[in-house]
Amino acid sequence: MHKFTSLALAGVALLGCATSASADSLNRAGSLLLYPLFDNSRIGLYTITVTNTNKDMTPVGGGSQLLNGTVDVEFVYINGANCLEFNRTRRLTPTDTITVTTLHDNPNQHEGYVYVFAKSPTSGKAIKFDWLAGDSFQVAPGSLGGVDIPPVVFRAASGLAAGADTDVDSDGVRDLNGNEYEKVSDELIVPRFVAHVPLASVPEVLLIGLTGQSFTTIINFLIYNDNEEVFSAQYSFDCWDRVLLRDINGAFTQTFLATTNHTANENYVGTEYGWFSMDGAVAFSTAASVQDPAFMAVRIERFLLTAQSGASLPYGLGEQANGDLVQHGPFPDAN
């Protein structure tokens, strides 16, 4: 699972989603890191860190200057407006780390998401190298404070040997299907949200579609107040979206929640709160549709009066094998 990380809300400890089972809540290093956000809005700086935790300094041999623990990593920036990508490849020697400022690394895209995957330094192919760890951080003191969002980590498929090519079907797409990389969760759970209060509390969610570039994804929401009452909503988006919870449904607002039954002893400093779940309904293009599509999400809370914010990955329930990074064209990936 992935730990909640926030400088502004360090006193509120929450745990995030799991893409694979483990005995504790610690992140696990992997072969593919999915960063839900990059933001080049120029109101601050957004950084992405990738670290090679492999410590093997043994020379590869055969006259090569490489060390066994060396890996190439490809940064794939996905433009949130149209799903077009921008790529950079970097080499990380054993125990090496790199932090990039996205505004300087990719100045021609405004915002979206990034994924980073391990590649062979000799063949250039995607490989199983479950040694990558990472983080991302936004510093925008005038409006957001500091927000730390860890990546969603995918290990390469358990059936692959270390160093093996992960592109099993040779289509150039990173398949989150259990054959190339770990599967994604079927349903996502956000254990707490603070209600939207104009000019004060402004919660939002990041959404990433994992069906393909040409697909619109519809998500089903179940929204619970603090007294077990449930309300339903739907929201559709293309590729990637950053949306206020208020704009998904009025059930996320202080105005609405104050009219519902609630537990008086569970007030959050006078502000209503609750929790919600998300499940894919359908993704469709001009030529095809996919039932129960894969997606990823991140919750962000912003408190405008104090210029503070926090973010967390959701919990995951179940798993599904139809996630891809990133399928192009109007048809879903069949592999």
C-alpha atoms as a PDB file:
ATOM      1  CA  MET A   1       0.000   0.000   0.000  1.00  0.00           C
ATOM      2  CA  HIS A   2       1.027   3.601  -0.373  1.00  0.00           C
ATOM      3  CA  LYS A   3       1.311   5.927   2.563  1.00  0.00           C
ATOM      4  CA  PHE A   4      -0.474   9.266   2.800  1.00  0.00           C
ATOM      5  CA  THR A   5       2.123  12.021   2.492  1.00  0.00           C
ATOM      6  CA  SER A   6       1.583  15.693   3.224  1.00  0.00           C
ATOM      7  CA  LEU A   7       3.672  18.399   4.795  1.00  0.00           C
ATOM      8  CA  ALA A   8       0.707  20.676   5.390  1.00  0.00           C
ATOM      9  CA  LEU A   9      -1.420  17.946   6.978  1.00  0.00           C
ATOM     10  CA  ALA A  10       1.302  15.914   8.653  1.00  0.00           C
ATOM     11  CA  GLY A  11      -0.857  15.312  11.697  1.00  0.00           C
ATOM     12  CA  VAL A  12      -3.516  13.439   9.739  1.00  0.00           C
ATOM     13  CA  ALA A  13      -2.296   9.906   8.994  1.00  0.00           C
ATOM     14  CA  LEU A  14      -4.083   8.007   6.234  1.00  0.00           C
ATOM     15  CA  LEU A  15      -3.046   5.043   4.137  1.00  0.00           C
ATOM     16  CA  GLY A  16      -3.484   4.728   0.391  1.00  0.00           C
ATOM     17  CA  CYS A  17      -4.118   2.063  -2.224  1.00  0.00           C
ATOM     18  CA  ALA A  18      -2.431  -1.256  -2.860  1.00  0.00           C
ATOM     19  CA  THR A  19      -1.599  -2.614  -6.288  1.00  0.00           C
ATOM     20  CA  SER A  20      -0.212  -5.778  -4.720  1.00  0.00           C
ATOM     21  CA  ALA A  21      -0.607  -7.428  -1.359  1.00  0.00           C
ATOM     22  CA  SER A  22       1.981  -6.889   1.367  1.00  0.00           C
ATOM     23  CA  ALA A  23       2.167  -7.438   5.090  1.00  0.00           C
ATOM     24  CA  ASP A  24       2.445  -3.751   5.940  1.00  0.00           C
ATOM     25  CA  SER A  25       1.677  -0.317   4.540  1.00  0.00           C
ATOM     26  CA  LEU A  26       5.115   0.395   3.108  1.00  0.00           C
ATOM     27  CA  ASN A  27       5.656   1.189  -0.527  1.00  0.00           C
ATOM     28  CA  ARG A  28       7.418  -1.474  -2.566  1.00  0.00           C
ATOM     29  CA  ALA A  29      10.009  -0.607  -5.211  1.00  0.00           C
ATOM     30  CA  GLY A  30       8.942  -1.572  -8.716  1.00  0.00           C
ATOM     31  CA  SER A  31       9.639  -1.474 -12.439  1.00  0.00           C
ATOM     32  CA  LEU A  32       7.021   1.158 -13.352  1.00  0.00           C
ATOM     33  CA  LEU A  33       6.071   4.305 -11.434  1.00  0.00           C
ATOM     34  CA  LEU A  34       2.838   6.159 -12.247  1.00  0.00           C
ATOM     35  CA  TYR A  35       2.914   9.805 -11.119  1.00  0.00           C
ATOM     36  CA  PRO A  36      -0.695  11.100 -11.175  1.00  0.00           C
ATOM     37  CA  LEU A  37       0.249  14.744 -11.687  1.00  0.00           C
ATOM     38  CA  PHE A  38       2.683  17.145 -13.233  1.00  0.00           C
ATOM     39  CA  ASP A  39       1.809  20.833 -13.151  1.00  0.00           C
ATOM     40  CA  ASN A  40       3.623  23.521 -15.148  1.00  0.00           C
ATOM     41  CA  SER A  41       1.230  26.328 -14.243  1.00  0.00           C
ATOM     42  CA  ARG A  42       4.116  28.565 -13.166  1.00  0.00           C
ATOM     43  CA  ILE A  43       2.511  29.346  -9.791  1.00  0.00           C
ATOM     44  CA  GLY A  44       5.211  27.216  -8.239  1.00  0.00           C
ATOM     45  CA  LEU A  45       7.570  24.354  -8.972  1.00  0.00           C
ATOM     46  CA  TYR A  46       6.649  20.722  -9.528  1.00  0.00           C
ATOM     47  CA  THR A  47       9.385  18.107  -9.153  1.00  0.00           C
ATOM     48  CA  ILE A  48       9.581  14.384  -9.868  1.00  0.00           C
ATOM     49  CA  THR A  49      12.149  12.104  -8.264  1.00  0.00           C
ATOM     50  CA  VAL A  50      13.233   8.637  -9.424  1.00  0.00           C
ATOM     51  CA  THR A  51      15.730   6.600  -7.389  1.00  0.00           C
ATOM     52  CA  ASN A  52      17.556   3.407  -8.341  1.00  0.00           C
ATOM     53  CA  THR A  53      17.795   1.452  -5.075  1.00  0.00           C
ATOM     54  CA  ASN A  54      19.912  -1.349  -6.613  1.00  0.00           C
ATOM     55  CA  LYS A  55      23.368  -1.447  -4.980  1.00  0.00           C
ATOM     56  CA  ASP A  56      25.120  -3.931  -7.278  1.00  0.00           C
ATOM     57  CA  MET A  57      28.400  -2.285  -8.358  1.00  0.00           C
ATOM     58  CA  THR A  58      29.750  -5.439 -10.061  1.00  0.00           C
ATOM     59  CA  PRO A  59      30.951  -4.790 -13.634  1.00  0.00           C
ATOM     60  CA  VAL A  60      28.842  -6.479 -16.291  1.00  0.00           C
ATOM     61  CA  GLY A  61      31.968  -7.935 -17.924  1.00  0.00           C
ATOM     62  CA  GLY A  62      33.025  -8.425 -21.504  1.00  0.00           C
ATOM     63  CA  GLY A  63      34.766  -5.062 -21.643  1.00  0.00           C
ATOM     64  CA  SER A  64      31.560  -3.171 -20.861  1.00  0.00           C
ATOM     65  CA  GLN A  65      31.713  -0.103 -18.654  1.00  0.00           C
ATOM     66  CA  LEU A  66      28.281  -0.909 -17.227  1.00  0.00           C
ATOM     67  CA  LEU A  67      27.600  -2.096 -13.695  1.00  0.00           C
ATOM     68  CA  ASN A  68      25.037  -4.802 -12.928  1.00  0.00           C
ATOM     69  CA  GLY A  69      22.856  -2.379 -10.999  1.00  0.00           C
ATOM     70  CA  THR A  70      22.671   0.226 -13.779  1.00  0.00           C
ATOM     71  CA  VAL A  71      19.324   0.885 -15.457  1.00  0.00           C
ATOM     72  CA  ASP A  72      17.845   3.276 -17.976  1.00  0.00           C
ATOM     73  CA  VAL A  73      14.539   4.929 -17.082  1.00  0.00           C
ATOM     74  CA  GLU A  74      12.120   6.450 -19.565  1.00  0.00           C
ATOM     75  CA  PHE A  75      10.005   9.412 -18.467  1.00  0.00           C
ATOM     76  CA  VAL A  76       6.720   9.482 -20.402  1.00  0.00           C
ATOM     77  CA  TYR A  77       4.785  12.723 -19.923  1.00  0.00           C
ATOM     78  CA  ILE A  78       1.111  12.435 -20.900  1.00  0.00           C
ATOM     79  CA  ASN A  79      -0.577  15.716 -21.789  1.00  0.00           C
ATOM     80  CA  GLY A  80      -3.835  15.826 -19.842  1.00  0.00           C
ATOM     81  CA  ALA A  81      -5.584  17.763 -22.621  1.00  0.00           C
ATOM     82  CA  ASN A  82      -5.120  15.226 -25.436  1.00  0.00           C
ATOM     83  CA  CYS A  83      -3.108  12.237 -24.126  1.00  0.00           C
ATOM     84  CA  LEU A  84      -0.159  13.037 -26.417  1.00  0.00           C
ATOM     85  CA  GLU A  85       3.197  12.058 -24.952  1.00  0.00           C
ATOM     86  CA  PHE A  86       6.665  13.491 -24.527  1.00  0.00           C
ATOM     87  CA  ASN A  87       9.565  11.161 -23.689  1.00  0.00           C
ATOM     88  CA  ARG A  88      12.994  11.377 -22.116  1.00  0.00           C
ATOM     89  CA  THR A  89      15.380   8.538 -21.202  1.00  0.00           C
ATOM     90  CA  ARG A  90      17.995   8.803 -18.468  1.00  0.00           C
ATOM     91  CA  ARG A  91      20.612   6.420 -17.070  1.00  0.00           C
ATOM     92  CA  LEU A  92      20.785   5.668 -13.364  1.00  0.00           C
ATOM     93  CA  THR A  93      23.850   3.924 -11.992  1.00  0.00           C
ATOM     94  CA  PRO A  94      23.518   1.838  -8.783  1.00  0.00           C
ATOM     95  CA  THR A  95      22.082   3.938  -5.880  1.00  0.00           C
ATOM     96  CA  ASP A  96      21.688   6.904  -8.236  1.00  0.00           C
ATOM     97  CA  THR A  97      18.780   9.344  -7.967  1.00  0.00           C
ATOM     98  CA  ILE A  98      17.438  12.144 -10.148  1.00  0.00           C
ATOM     99  CA  THR A  99      14.985  14.953  -9.446  1.00  0.00           C
ATOM    100  CA  VAL A 100      13.626  16.994 -12.345  1.00  0.00           C
ATOM    101  CA  THR A 101      11.548  20.158 -12.396  1.00  0.00           C
ATOM    102  CA  THR A 102       8.776  19.398 -14.854  1.00  0.00           C
ATOM    103  CA  LEU A 103       8.512  22.978 -16.112  1.00  0.00           C
ATOM    104  CA  HIS A 104      12.105  22.780 -17.359  1.00  0.00           C
ATOM    105  CA  ASP A 105      12.050  19.090 -18.282  1.00  0.00           C
ATOM    106  CA  ASN A 106       8.881  19.375 -20.384  1.00  0.00           C
ATOM    107  CA  PRO A 107       8.036  23.066 -20.890  1.00  0.00           C
ATOM    108  CA  ASN A 108       5.625  22.530 -23.798  1.00  0.00           C
ATOM    109  CA  GLN A 109       2.896  20.722 -21.853  1.00  0.00           C
ATOM    110  CA  HIS A 110       0.755  22.430 -19.233  1.00  0.00           C
ATOM    111  CA  GLU A 111      -0.347  19.575 -16.973  1.00  0.00           C
ATOM    112  CA  GLY A 112      -1.161  15.887 -16.921  1.00  0.00           C
ATOM    113  CA  TYR A 113       0.528  12.775 -15.577  1.00  0.00           C
ATOM    114  CA  VAL A 114       3.846  10.934 -15.929  1.00  0.00           C
ATOM    115  CA  TYR A 115       4.907   7.323 -15.871  1.00  0.00           C
ATOM    116  CA  VAL A 116       8.493   6.103 -15.600  1.00  0.00           C
ATOM    117  CA  PHE A 117       9.605   2.574 -16.455  1.00  0.00           C
ATOM    118  CA  ALA A 118      12.850   0.610 -16.346  1.00  0.00           C
ATOM    119  CA  LYS A 119      14.706  -0.179 -19.590  1.00  0.00           C
ATOM    120  CA  SER A 120      17.764  -2.239 -20.417  1.00  0.00           C
ATOM    121  CA  PRO A 121      20.892  -0.039 -20.809  1.00  0.00           C
ATOM    122  CA  THR A 122      22.028  -2.281 -23.671  1.00  0.00           C
ATOM    123  CA  SER A 123      18.890  -3.205 -25.636  1.00  0.00           C
ATOM    124  CA  GLY A 124      16.658  -0.251 -24.746  1.00  0.00           C
ATOM    125  CA  LYS A 125      13.749  -2.636 -24.072  1.00  0.00           C
ATOM    126  CA  ALA A 126      11.417  -2.370 -21.082  1.00  0.00           C
ATOM    127  CA  ILE A 127      12.600  -4.842 -18.435  1.00  0.00           C
ATOM    128  CA  LYS A 128      11.782  -6.265 -15.040  1.00  0.00           C
ATOM    129  CA  PHE A 129      13.837  -4.179 -12.614  1.00  0.00           C
ATOM    130  CA  ASP A 130      11.949  -3.959  -9.333  1.00  0.00           C
ATOM    131  CA  TRP A 131      14.329  -1.452  -7.789  1.00  0.00           C
ATOM    132  CA  LEU A 132      12.742   1.879  -8.723  1.00  0.00           C
ATOM    133  CA  ALA A 133      11.351   4.211  -6.053  1.00  0.00           C
ATOM    134  CA  GLY A 134      10.108   7.768  -6.431  1.00  0.00           C
ATOM    135  CA  ASP A 135       8.225  10.815  -5.227  1.00  0.00           C
ATOM    136  CA  SER A 136       6.758  14.059  -6.532  1.00  0.00           C
ATOM    137  CA  PHE A 137       6.361  17.412  -4.844  1.00  0.00           C
ATOM    138  CA  GLN A 138       4.708  20.715  -5.672  1.00  0.00           C
ATOM    139  CA  VAL A 139       5.810  23.943  -4.031  1.00  0.00           C
ATOM    140  CA  ALA A 140       3.398  26.844  -4.562  1.00  0.00           C
ATOM    141  CA  PRO A 141       3.504  28.955  -1.370  1.00  0.00           C
ATOM    142  CA  GLY A 142       1.035  31.592  -2.556  1.00  0.00           C
ATOM    143  CA  SER A 143      -1.826  29.203  -3.237  1.00  0.00           C
ATOM    144  CA  LEU A 144      -1.174  25.611  -2.243  1.00  0.00           C
ATOM    145  CA  GLY A 145       1.626  25.359   0.271  1.00  0.00           C
ATOM    146  CA  GLY A 146       3.453  22.107  -0.392  1.00  0.00           C
ATOM    147  CA  VAL A 147       1.874  18.926  -1.763  1.00  0.00           C
ATOM    148  CA  ASP A 148       3.700  15.601  -1.784  1.00  0.00           C
ATOM    149  CA  ILE A 149       2.133  12.914  -4.017  1.00  0.00           C
ATOM    150  CA  PRO A 150       3.864   9.519  -4.170  1.00  0.00           C
ATOM    151  CA  PRO A 151       3.624   7.503  -7.384  1.00  0.00           C
ATOM    152  CA  VAL A 152       1.557   4.363  -7.784  1.00  0.00           C
ATOM    153  CA  VAL A 153       4.153   1.587  -7.982  1.00  0.00           C
ATOM    154  CA  PHE A 154       3.812  -1.429 -10.275  1.00  0.00           C
ATOM    155  CA  ARG A 155       6.205  -4.328 -10.032  1.00  0.00           C
ATOM    156  CA  ALA A 156       6.856  -6.391 -13.127  1.00  0.00           C
ATOM    157  CA  ALA A 157       4.834  -9.602 -13.438  1.00  0.00           C
ATOM    158  CA  SER A 158       5.835 -12.310 -10.976  1.00  0.00           C
ATOM    159  CA  GLY A 159       6.221 -14.835 -13.796  1.00  0.00           C
ATOM    160  CA  LEU A 160       9.055 -12.860 -15.395  1.00  0.00           C
ATOM    161  CA  ALA A 161      12.707 -13.322 -14.478  1.00  0.00           C
ATOM    162  CA  ALA A 162      14.777 -10.362 -13.295  1.00  0.00           C
ATOM    163  CA  GLY A 163      15.983  -8.411 -16.324  1.00  0.00           C
ATOM    164  CA  ALA A 164      13.430 -10.042 -18.663  1.00  0.00           C
ATOM    165  CA  ASP A 165      11.643  -8.032 -21.360  1.00  0.00           C
ATOM    166  CA  THR A 166       8.275  -6.906 -19.956  1.00  0.00           C
ATOM    167  CA  ASP A 167       6.734  -6.124 -23.348  1.00  0.00           C
ATOM    168  CA  VAL A 168       5.450  -9.685 -23.679  1.00  0.00           C
ATOM    169  CA  ASP A 169       3.186  -8.965 -26.652  1.00  0.00           C
ATOM    170  CA  SER A 170       5.699  -6.608 -28.347  1.00  0.00           C
ATOM    171  CA  ASP A 171       3.160  -3.820 -28.859  1.00  0.00           C
ATOM    172  CA  GLY A 172       5.067  -1.019 -27.119  1.00  0.00           C
ATOM    173  CA  VAL A 173       2.268  -0.574 -24.565  1.00  0.00           C
ATOM    174  CA  ARG A 174       2.841  -1.067 -20.829  1.00  0.00           C
ATOM    175  CA  ASP A 175       0.128  -3.616 -19.973  1.00  0.00           C
ATOM    176  CA  LEU A 176      -1.105  -3.629 -16.359  1.00  0.00           C
ATOM    177  CA  ASN A 177      -2.502  -7.119 -16.805  1.00  0.00           C
ATOM    178  CA  GLY A 178      -0.451  -9.411 -14.555  1.00  0.00           C
ATOM    179  CA  ASN A 179       1.600 -10.674 -17.519  1.00  0.00           C
ATOM    180  CA  GLU A 180       3.746  -7.563 -18.008  1.00  0.00           C
ATOM    181  CA  TYR A 181       3.142  -5.520 -14.846  1.00  0.00           C
ATOM    182  CA  GLU A 182       0.871  -5.901 -11.842  1.00  0.00           C
ATOM    183  CA  LYS A 183      -2.868  -5.471 -12.306  1.00  0.00           C
ATOM    184  CA  VAL A 184      -4.737  -2.354 -11.183  1.00  0.00           C
ATOM    185  CA  SER A 185      -7.394  -2.241  -8.478  1.00  0.00           C
ATOM    186  CA  ASP A 186     -11.010  -2.738  -9.553  1.00  0.00           C
ATOM    187  CA  GLU A 187     -12.590  -0.256  -7.122  1.00  0.00           C
ATOM    188  CA  LEU A 188     -10.965   2.744  -5.441  1.00  0.00           C
ATOM    189  CA  ILE A 189     -11.859   3.963  -1.946  1.00  0.00           C
ATOM    190  CA  VAL A 190     -11.190   7.437  -0.507  1.00  0.00           C
ATOM    191  CA  PRO A 191     -11.667   7.053   3.279  1.00  0.00           C
ATOM    192  CA  ARG A 192     -12.271  10.745   3.985  1.00  0.00           C
ATOM    193  CA  PHE A 193     -13.122  13.978   2.254  1.00  0.00           C
ATOM    194  CA  VAL A 194     -13.793  17.373   3.807  1.00  0.00           C
ATOM    195  CA  ALA A 195     -16.856  19.076   2.318  1.00  0.00           C
ATOM    196  CA  HIS A 196     -16.477  21.856  -0.228  1.00  0.00           C
ATOM    197  CA  VAL A 197     -16.841  25.247   1.476  1.00  0.00           C
ATOM    198  CA  PRO A 198     -16.514  28.256  -0.866  1.00  0.00           C
ATOM    199  CA  LEU A 199     -13.284  30.213  -0.327  1.00  0.00           C
ATOM    200  CA  ALA A 200     -12.221  27.788   2.412  1.00  0.00           C
ATOM    201  CA  SER A 201     -12.144  24.024   1.774  1.00  0.00           C
ATOM    202  CA  VAL A 202     -11.726  23.040  -1.881  1.00  0.00           C
ATOM    203  CA  PRO A 203     -11.359  19.252  -2.288  1.00  0.00           C
ATOM    204  CA  GLU A 204     -10.615  17.809  -5.708  1.00  0.00           C
ATOM    205  CA  VAL A 205      -9.674  14.562  -7.396  1.00  0.00           C
ATOM    206  CA  LEU A 206      -7.239  13.606 -10.152  1.00  0.00           C
ATOM    207  CA  LEU A 207      -8.513  10.963 -12.584  1.00  0.00           C
ATOM    208  CA  ILE A 208      -6.442   8.926 -15.063  1.00  0.00           C
ATOM    209  CA  GLY A 209      -8.085   6.806 -17.746  1.00  0.00           C
ATOM    210  CA  LEU A 210      -6.237   3.542 -18.412  1.00  0.00           C
ATOM    211  CA  THR A 211      -8.166   2.330 -21.492  1.00  0.00           C
ATOM    212  CA  GLY A 212      -6.636   4.403 -24.268  1.00  0.00           C
ATOM    213  CA  GLN A 213      -5.937   7.788 -25.773  1.00  0.00           C
ATOM    214  CA  SER A 214      -9.240   7.960 -27.687  1.00  0.00           C
ATOM    215  CA  PHE A 215     -11.540   6.822 -24.874  1.00  0.00           C
ATOM    216  CA  THR A 216     -13.927   8.705 -22.617  1.00  0.00           C
ATOM    217  CA  THR A 217     -14.246   7.041 -19.201  1.00  0.00           C
ATOM    218  CA  ILE A 218     -17.374   7.152 -17.016  1.00  0.00           C
ATOM    219  CA  ILE A 219     -16.885   6.611 -13.276  1.00  0.00           C
ATOM    220  CA  ASN A 220     -19.605   5.640 -10.784  1.00  0.00           C
ATOM    221  CA  PHE A 221     -19.342   7.375  -7.413  1.00  0.00           C
ATOM    222  CA  LEU A 222     -20.938   6.333  -4.117  1.00  0.00           C
ATOM    223  CA  ILE A 223     -20.745   9.222  -1.619  1.00  0.00           C
ATOM    224  CA  TYR A 224     -21.282   8.557   2.094  1.00  0.00           C
ATOM    225  CA  ASN A 225     -21.887  11.165   4.782  1.00  0.00           C
ATOM    226  CA  ASP A 226     -20.782  10.633   8.411  1.00  0.00           C
ATOM    227  CA  ASN A 227     -24.008   8.803   9.273  1.00  0.00           C
ATOM    228  CA  GLU A 228     -23.987   5.955   6.721  1.00  0.00           C
ATOM    229  CA  GLU A 229     -26.274   7.728   4.232  1.00  0.00           C
ATOM    230  CA  VAL A 230     -25.232   7.130   0.635  1.00  0.00           C
ATOM    231  CA  PHE A 231     -25.694   9.188  -2.536  1.00  0.00           C
ATOM    232  CA  SER A 232     -24.732   8.261  -6.097  1.00  0.00           C
ATOM    233  CA  ALA A 233     -23.153  10.195  -8.946  1.00  0.00           C
ATOM    234  CA  GLN A 234     -21.410   9.714 -12.286  1.00  0.00           C
ATOM    235  CA  TYR A 235     -18.587  11.634 -13.906  1.00  0.00           C
ATOM    236  CA  SER A 236     -17.009  11.330 -17.360  1.00  0.00           C
ATOM    237  CA  PHE A 237     -13.569  12.477 -18.482  1.00  0.00           C
ATOM    238  CA  ASP A 238     -11.124  12.064 -21.364  1.00  0.00           C
ATOM    239  CA  CYS A 239      -7.600  10.771 -20.687  1.00  0.00           C
ATOM    240  CA  TRP A 240      -6.894  12.784 -17.509  1.00  0.00           C
ATOM    241  CA  ASP A 241      -8.780  15.301 -15.427  1.00  0.00           C
ATOM    242  CA  ARG A 242      -8.386  17.440 -12.330  1.00  0.00           C
ATOM    243  CA  VAL A 243     -11.856  18.261 -11.049  1.00  0.00           C
ATOM    244  CA  LEU A 244     -13.389  19.799  -7.934  1.00  0.00           C
ATOM    245  CA  LEU A 245     -15.525  17.308  -6.025  1.00  0.00           C
ATOM    246  CA  ARG A 246     -18.244  19.974  -6.004  1.00  0.00           C
ATOM    247  CA  ASP A 247     -18.379  19.794  -9.804  1.00  0.00           C
ATOM    248  CA  ILE A 248     -18.889  16.031  -9.726  1.00  0.00           C
ATOM    249  CA  ASN A 249     -21.915  16.234  -7.456  1.00  0.00           C
ATOM    250  CA  GLY A 250     -23.474  18.584  -4.905  1.00  0.00           C
ATOM    251  CA  ALA A 251     -23.328  15.808  -2.298  1.00  0.00           C
ATOM    252  CA  PHE A 252     -19.691  16.790  -1.759  1.00  0.00           C
ATOM    253  CA  THR A 253     -20.627  20.301  -0.549  1.00  0.00           C
ATOM    254  CA  GLN A 254     -21.118  21.712   2.939  1.00  0.00           C
ATOM    255  CA  THR A 255     -24.467  23.168   1.864  1.00  0.00           C
ATOM    256  CA  PHE A 256     -25.875  19.755   0.979  1.00  0.00           C
ATOM    257  CA  LEU A 257     -24.278  17.642   3.716  1.00  0.00           C
ATOM    258  CA  ALA A 258     -25.489  20.046   6.424  1.00  0.00           C
ATOM    259  CA  THR A 259     -29.070  19.119   5.451  1.00  0.00           C
ATOM    260  CA  THR A 260     -28.518  15.364   5.902  1.00  0.00           C
ATOM    261  CA  ASN A 261     -28.536  13.313   9.082  1.00  0.00           C
ATOM    262  CA  HIS A 262     -25.153  13.249  10.724  1.00  0.00           C
ATOM    263  CA  THR A 263     -23.410  12.104  13.874  1.00  0.00           C
ATOM    264  CA  ALA A 264     -23.148  15.151  16.100  1.00  0.00           C
ATOM    265  CA  ASN A 265     -20.137  13.787  17.991  1.00  0.00           C
ATOM    266  CA  GLU A 266     -18.088  13.413  14.806  1.00  0.00           C
ATOM    267  CA  ASN A 267     -17.885  17.019  13.659  1.00  0.00           C
ATOM    268  CA  TYR A 268     -14.690  18.034  11.879  1.00  0.00           C
ATOM    269  CA  VAL A 269     -14.181  21.568  13.273  1.00  0.00           C
ATOM    270  CA  GLY A 270     -17.686  22.477  12.156  1.00  0.00           C
ATOM    271  CA  THR A 271     -17.152  21.248   8.602  1.00  0.00           C
ATOM    272  CA  GLU A 272     -19.055  18.254   7.245  1.00  0.00           C
ATOM    273  CA  TYR A 273     -17.141  15.314   5.870  1.00  0.00           C
ATOM    274  CA  GLY A 274     -17.592  11.797   4.526  1.00  0.00           C
ATOM    275  CA  TRP A 275     -15.997   9.168   2.300  1.00  0.00           C
ATOM    276  CA  PHE A 276     -16.540   7.857  -1.220  1.00  0.00           C
ATOM    277  CA  SER A 277     -15.861   4.977  -3.583  1.00  0.00           C
ATOM    278  CA  MET A 278     -15.214   4.974  -7.334  1.00  0.00           C
ATOM    279  CA  ASP A 279     -15.754   2.199  -9.867  1.00  0.00           C
ATOM    280  CA  GLY A 280     -15.445   2.241 -13.628  1.00  0.00           C
ATOM    281  CA  ALA A 281     -18.763   2.040 -15.482  1.00  0.00           C
ATOM    282  CA  VAL A 282     -17.775   2.144 -19.159  1.00  0.00           C
ATOM    283  CA  ALA A 283     -15.122   3.622 -21.437  1.00  0.00           C
ATOM    284  CA  PHE A 284     -15.988   4.350 -25.052  1.00  0.00           C
ATOM    285  CA  SER A 285     -14.471   5.692 -28.263  1.00  0.00           C
ATOM    286  CA  THR A 286     -15.945   6.271 -31.697  1.00  0.00           C
ATOM    287  CA  ALA A 287     -15.398   2.577 -32.505  1.00  0.00           C
ATOM    288  CA  ALA A 288     -15.549   0.510 -29.293  1.00  0.00           C
ATOM    289  CA  SER A 289     -16.536   0.360 -25.642  1.00  0.00           C
ATOM    290  CA  VAL A 290     -15.109  -1.357 -22.558  1.00  0.00           C
ATOM    291  CA  GLN A 291     -17.171  -2.338 -19.532  1.00  0.00           C
ATOM    292  CA  ASP A 292     -15.687  -1.784 -16.060  1.00  0.00           C
ATOM    293  CA  PRO A 293     -12.654   0.143 -17.368  1.00  0.00           C
ATOM    294  CA  ALA A 294      -9.429   0.547 -15.420  1.00  0.00           C
ATOM    295  CA  PHE A 295      -8.532   3.967 -14.012  1.00  0.00           C
ATOM    296  CA  MET A 296      -6.485   5.610 -11.262  1.00  0.00           C
ATOM    297  CA  ALA A 297      -7.307   8.514  -8.957  1.00  0.00           C
ATOM    298  CA  VAL A 298      -5.779  10.758  -6.288  1.00  0.00           C
ATOM    299  CA  ARG A 299      -7.529  12.915  -3.689  1.00  0.00           C
ATOM    300  CA  ILE A 300      -6.258  16.452  -3.066  1.00  0.00           C
ATOM    301  CA  GLU A 301      -7.531  18.787  -0.338  1.00  0.00           C
ATOM    302  CA  ARG A 302      -6.839  22.508  -0.451  1.00  0.00           C
ATOM    303  CA  PHE A 303      -7.542  24.966   2.356  1.00  0.00           C
ATOM    304  CA  LEU A 304      -7.470  28.438   0.838  1.00  0.00           C
ATOM    305  CA  LEU A 305      -7.531  30.507   4.036  1.00  0.00           C
ATOM    306  CA  THR A 306      -4.263  28.968   5.225  1.00  0.00           C
ATOM    307  CA  ALA A 307      -2.731  28.201   1.792  1.00  0.00           C
ATOM    308  CA  GLN A 308      -2.293  24.575   2.814  1.00  0.00           C
ATOM    309  CA  SER A 309      -3.029  21.330   1.030  1.00  0.00           C
ATOM    310  CA  GLY A 310      -2.633  17.591   1.288  1.00  0.00           C
ATOM    311  CA  ALA A 311      -2.951  14.604  -1.002  1.00  0.00           C
ATOM    312  CA  SER A 312      -3.291  10.829  -0.756  1.00  0.00           C
ATOM    313  CA  LEU A 313      -3.661   7.799  -2.963  1.00  0.00           C
ATOM    314  CA  PRO A 314      -6.860   5.812  -2.444  1.00  0.00           C
ATOM    315  CA  TYR A 315      -7.300   2.293  -1.148  1.00  0.00           C
ATOM    316  CA  GLY A 316      -7.867  -0.405  -3.755  1.00  0.00           C
ATOM    317  CA  LEU A 317     -10.379  -3.279  -3.732  1.00  0.00           C
ATOM    318  CA  GLY A 318     -10.125  -6.274  -6.056  1.00  0.00           C
ATOM    319  CA  GLU A 319      -8.145  -6.206  -9.278  1.00  0.00           C
ATOM    320  CA  GLN A 320      -8.626  -6.113 -13.024  1.00  0.00           C
ATOM    321  CA  ALA A 321      -6.395  -6.775 -16.006  1.00  0.00           C
ATOM    322  CA  ASN A 322      -7.537  -4.177 -18.579  1.00  0.00           C
ATOM    323  CA  GLY A 323      -5.264  -1.235 -17.696  1.00  0.00           C
ATOM    324  CA  ASP A 324      -2.770   0.078 -20.287  1.00  0.00           C
ATOM    325  CA  LEU A 325      -0.176   2.841 -20.597  1.00  0.00           C
ATOM    326  CA  VAL A 326      -0.987   4.110 -23.166  1.00  0.00           C
ATOM    327  CA  GLN A 327      -3.055   2.480 -25.910  1.00  0.00           C
ATOM    328  CA  HIS A 328      -3.434   4.630 -29.040  1.00  0.00           C
ATOM    329  CA  GLY A 329      -6.253   4.473 -31.567  1.00  0.00           C
ATOM    330  CA  PRO A 330     -10.010   3.906 -31.164  1.00  0.00           C
ATOM    331  CA  PHE A 331      -9.778   0.233 -30.135  1.00  0.00           C
ATOM    332  CA  PRO A 332      -8.805  -1.113 -26.681  1.00  0.00           C
ATOM    333  CA  ASP A 333      -5.718  -3.259 -26.223  1.00  0.00           C
ATOM    334  CA  ALA A 334      -6.742  -6.903 -26.590  1.00  0.00           C
ATOM    335  CA  ASN A 335      -3.610  -8.287 -24.870  1.00  0.00           C
END
